[in-house]
Amino acid sequence: MVGEQHYTEVFQSLPMPCLILLPNAPHFTIVNVSDAYLAITNTRRESMVGKGFLKCSPPIHTKATTSGRIFSMR
C-alpha cells in the first residue's frame, strides 16, 4: 500500500511549479509546494507551508494599456 509520504515525495518532485492550497478564502493556506516552485521563487518550503498564499506571494503590479486591458507586471 502506498502511504501519504510517497504521495508527498511524488508531488514535491514534479518538474513543474505547483502549490496545493486549502479552499479557505480569502487566505488560501499553502499545504504543500513542489521543489520546482521553490526553485523559481527562490524560497524555502518552511517559509511557505501553513501561510496564506497572498501573504507569501510578491505584490502584483498592474499597468493599464492604451487598449484598456490590464496586464500583470511581475
N, C-alpha and C. Protein backbone atom coordinates (compact mmCIF):
# COMPACT_ATOMS: atom_id res chain seq x y z
N MET A 1 0.84 -1.18 0.00
CA MET A 1 0.00 0.00 0.00
C MET A 1 0.89 1.25 0.00
N VAL A 2 0.49 2.22 -0.76
CA VAL A 2 1.25 3.47 -0.88
C VAL A 2 0.74 4.44 0.18
N GLY A 3 1.68 5.03 0.93
CA GLY A 3 1.31 5.93 2.02
C GLY A 3 1.38 7.39 1.62
N GLU A 4 0.97 8.22 2.55
CA GLU A 4 0.95 9.66 2.33
C GLU A 4 2.35 10.20 2.03
N GLN A 5 3.36 9.65 2.68
CA GLN A 5 4.74 10.11 2.45
C GLN A 5 5.14 9.92 0.99
N HIS A 6 4.71 8.81 0.39
CA HIS A 6 5.01 8.56 -1.02
C HIS A 6 4.38 9.64 -1.91
N TYR A 7 3.11 9.95 -1.67
CA TYR A 7 2.44 10.98 -2.46
C TYR A 7 3.10 12.34 -2.27
N THR A 8 3.53 12.62 -1.06
CA THR A 8 4.22 13.88 -0.78
C THR A 8 5.51 13.96 -1.58
N GLU A 9 6.29 12.89 -1.59
CA GLU A 9 7.55 12.88 -2.34
C GLU A 9 7.31 13.03 -3.83
N VAL A 10 6.29 12.36 -4.34
CA VAL A 10 5.96 12.46 -5.77
C VAL A 10 5.57 13.90 -6.11
N PHE A 11 4.69 14.50 -5.31
CA PHE A 11 4.25 15.87 -5.57
C PHE A 11 5.44 16.83 -5.53
N GLN A 12 6.26 16.73 -4.52
CA GLN A 12 7.36 17.67 -4.36
C GLN A 12 8.39 17.55 -5.47
N SER A 13 8.47 16.40 -6.12
CA SER A 13 9.45 16.22 -7.19
C SER A 13 8.89 16.46 -8.58
N LEU A 14 7.65 16.93 -8.69
CA LEU A 14 7.08 17.25 -10.01
C LEU A 14 7.97 18.26 -10.72
N PRO A 15 8.15 18.13 -12.03
CA PRO A 15 9.04 19.05 -12.74
C PRO A 15 8.43 20.43 -12.99
N MET A 16 7.13 20.59 -12.73
CA MET A 16 6.50 21.90 -12.93
C MET A 16 6.23 22.56 -11.58
N PRO A 17 6.25 23.89 -11.53
CA PRO A 17 5.97 24.58 -10.26
C PRO A 17 4.51 24.43 -9.86
N CYS A 18 4.27 23.86 -8.68
CA CYS A 18 2.90 23.60 -8.22
C CYS A 18 2.75 23.93 -6.74
N LEU A 19 1.53 24.29 -6.38
CA LEU A 19 1.16 24.51 -4.99
C LEU A 19 -0.12 23.74 -4.71
N ILE A 20 -0.29 23.30 -3.47
CA ILE A 20 -1.58 22.78 -3.03
C ILE A 20 -2.10 23.78 -2.01
N LEU A 21 -3.29 24.31 -2.27
CA LEU A 21 -3.89 25.32 -1.41
C LEU A 21 -5.19 24.80 -0.81
N LEU A 22 -5.47 25.20 0.41
CA LEU A 22 -6.77 24.91 1.00
C LEU A 22 -7.80 25.88 0.41
N PRO A 23 -9.04 25.47 0.24
CA PRO A 23 -10.06 26.36 -0.32
C PRO A 23 -10.67 27.26 0.76
N ASN A 24 -9.83 27.82 1.61
CA ASN A 24 -10.31 28.65 2.72
C ASN A 24 -10.15 30.13 2.41
N ALA A 25 -10.91 30.60 1.41
CA ALA A 25 -10.85 32.01 1.01
C ALA A 25 -11.13 32.89 2.21
N PRO A 26 -10.52 34.02 2.32
CA PRO A 26 -9.56 34.64 1.40
C PRO A 26 -8.11 34.28 1.68
N HIS A 27 -7.85 33.34 2.58
CA HIS A 27 -6.47 33.03 2.96
C HIS A 27 -5.77 32.10 1.97
N PHE A 28 -6.45 31.04 1.53
CA PHE A 28 -5.86 30.04 0.64
C PHE A 28 -4.53 29.54 1.21
N THR A 29 -4.62 28.86 2.34
CA THR A 29 -3.45 28.37 3.05
C THR A 29 -2.68 27.35 2.22
N ILE A 30 -1.37 27.50 2.16
CA ILE A 30 -0.50 26.62 1.39
C ILE A 30 -0.27 25.34 2.19
N VAL A 31 -0.57 24.19 1.56
CA VAL A 31 -0.41 22.89 2.20
C VAL A 31 0.89 22.23 1.78
N ASN A 32 1.26 22.39 0.51
CA ASN A 32 2.50 21.80 0.01
C ASN A 32 2.98 22.59 -1.20
N VAL A 33 4.27 22.48 -1.47
CA VAL A 33 4.91 23.23 -2.54
C VAL A 33 5.88 22.30 -3.25
N SER A 34 5.88 22.33 -4.58
CA SER A 34 6.83 21.49 -5.31
C SER A 34 8.23 22.11 -5.28
N ASP A 35 9.23 21.26 -5.45
CA ASP A 35 10.61 21.75 -5.48
C ASP A 35 10.82 22.73 -6.63
N ALA A 36 10.13 22.50 -7.75
CA ALA A 36 10.26 23.40 -8.91
C ALA A 36 9.75 24.81 -8.56
N TYR A 37 8.64 24.89 -7.81
CA TYR A 37 8.12 26.19 -7.40
C TYR A 37 9.12 26.90 -6.50
N LEU A 38 9.70 26.15 -5.56
CA LEU A 38 10.69 26.75 -4.66
C LEU A 38 11.91 27.25 -5.43
N ALA A 39 12.32 26.51 -6.45
CA ALA A 39 13.49 26.91 -7.24
C ALA A 39 13.24 28.21 -8.01
N ILE A 40 12.07 28.34 -8.63
CA ILE A 40 11.84 29.54 -9.44
C ILE A 40 11.51 30.78 -8.59
N THR A 41 11.03 30.55 -7.36
CA THR A 41 10.72 31.68 -6.49
C THR A 41 11.81 31.95 -5.47
N ASN A 42 12.83 31.09 -5.45
CA ASN A 42 13.96 31.24 -4.53
C ASN A 42 13.48 31.35 -3.08
N THR A 43 12.59 30.43 -2.69
CA THR A 43 12.05 30.40 -1.33
C THR A 43 12.27 29.03 -0.71
N ARG A 44 11.99 28.92 0.56
CA ARG A 44 12.11 27.66 1.28
C ARG A 44 10.71 27.16 1.63
N ARG A 45 10.54 25.85 1.61
CA ARG A 45 9.24 25.24 1.92
C ARG A 45 8.74 25.69 3.29
N GLU A 46 9.64 25.73 4.27
CA GLU A 46 9.26 26.08 5.63
C GLU A 46 8.70 27.51 5.73
N SER A 47 9.10 28.37 4.83
CA SER A 47 8.63 29.76 4.88
C SER A 47 7.28 29.94 4.19
N MET A 48 6.78 28.87 3.53
CA MET A 48 5.52 28.98 2.80
C MET A 48 4.40 28.11 3.37
N VAL A 49 4.70 26.86 3.69
CA VAL A 49 3.67 25.92 4.14
C VAL A 49 3.03 26.42 5.43
N GLY A 50 1.70 26.44 5.44
CA GLY A 50 0.94 26.88 6.60
C GLY A 50 0.57 28.36 6.55
N LYS A 51 1.09 29.08 5.57
CA LYS A 51 0.78 30.51 5.43
C LYS A 51 -0.18 30.73 4.28
N GLY A 52 -0.83 31.87 4.28
CA GLY A 52 -1.75 32.22 3.20
C GLY A 52 -0.99 32.51 1.92
N PHE A 53 -1.55 32.09 0.79
CA PHE A 53 -0.89 32.28 -0.50
C PHE A 53 -0.59 33.75 -0.77
N LEU A 54 -1.54 34.62 -0.50
CA LEU A 54 -1.34 36.03 -0.80
C LEU A 54 -0.29 36.66 0.10
N LYS A 55 -0.09 36.11 1.28
CA LYS A 55 0.96 36.62 2.19
C LYS A 55 2.35 36.23 1.70
N CYS A 56 2.44 35.10 1.01
CA CYS A 56 3.74 34.59 0.54
C CYS A 56 4.08 35.05 -0.87
N SER A 57 3.11 35.55 -1.60
CA SER A 57 3.34 35.95 -2.98
C SER A 57 3.84 37.38 -3.05
N PRO A 58 4.72 37.65 -4.02
CA PRO A 58 5.14 39.04 -4.21
C PRO A 58 3.96 39.87 -4.68
N PRO A 59 3.97 41.16 -4.42
CA PRO A 59 2.87 42.01 -4.87
C PRO A 59 2.76 42.01 -6.39
N ILE A 60 1.54 42.07 -6.86
CA ILE A 60 1.29 42.11 -8.30
C ILE A 60 1.06 43.56 -8.69
N HIS A 61 1.88 44.03 -9.58
CA HIS A 61 1.74 45.40 -10.07
C HIS A 61 1.05 45.33 -11.43
N THR A 62 0.08 46.17 -11.63
CA THR A 62 -0.64 46.16 -12.90
C THR A 62 -0.44 47.48 -13.62
N LYS A 63 -0.59 47.40 -14.91
CA LYS A 63 -0.44 48.59 -15.74
C LYS A 63 -1.52 48.53 -16.82
N ALA A 64 -2.31 49.57 -16.90
CA ALA A 64 -3.34 49.63 -17.94
C ALA A 64 -2.68 50.00 -19.25
N THR A 65 -3.09 49.35 -20.32
CA THR A 65 -2.56 49.66 -21.64
C THR A 65 -3.52 50.61 -22.34
N THR A 66 -3.12 51.08 -23.48
CA THR A 66 -3.96 52.02 -24.22
C THR A 66 -5.25 51.35 -24.67
N SER A 67 -5.27 50.03 -24.77
CA SER A 67 -6.48 49.35 -25.19
C SER A 67 -7.41 49.11 -24.01
N GLY A 68 -6.98 49.48 -22.79
CA GLY A 68 -7.82 49.32 -21.63
C GLY A 68 -7.63 48.01 -20.89
N ARG A 69 -6.81 47.11 -21.44
CA ARG A 69 -6.55 45.83 -20.78
C ARG A 69 -5.52 46.05 -19.67
N ILE A 70 -5.60 45.18 -18.68
CA ILE A 70 -4.64 45.24 -17.59
C ILE A 70 -3.78 43.99 -17.63
N PHE A 71 -2.47 44.18 -17.60
CA PHE A 71 -1.54 43.07 -17.62
C PHE A 71 -0.75 43.05 -16.32
N SER A 72 -0.41 41.87 -15.87
CA SER A 72 0.40 41.71 -14.67
C SER A 72 1.84 42.03 -15.00
N MET A 73 2.46 42.80 -14.17
CA MET A 73 3.87 43.18 -14.37
C MET A 73 4.66 42.68 -13.17
N ARG A 74 5.09 41.45 -13.18
CA ARG A 74 5.86 40.90 -12.06
C ARG A 74 7.31 41.20 -12.20
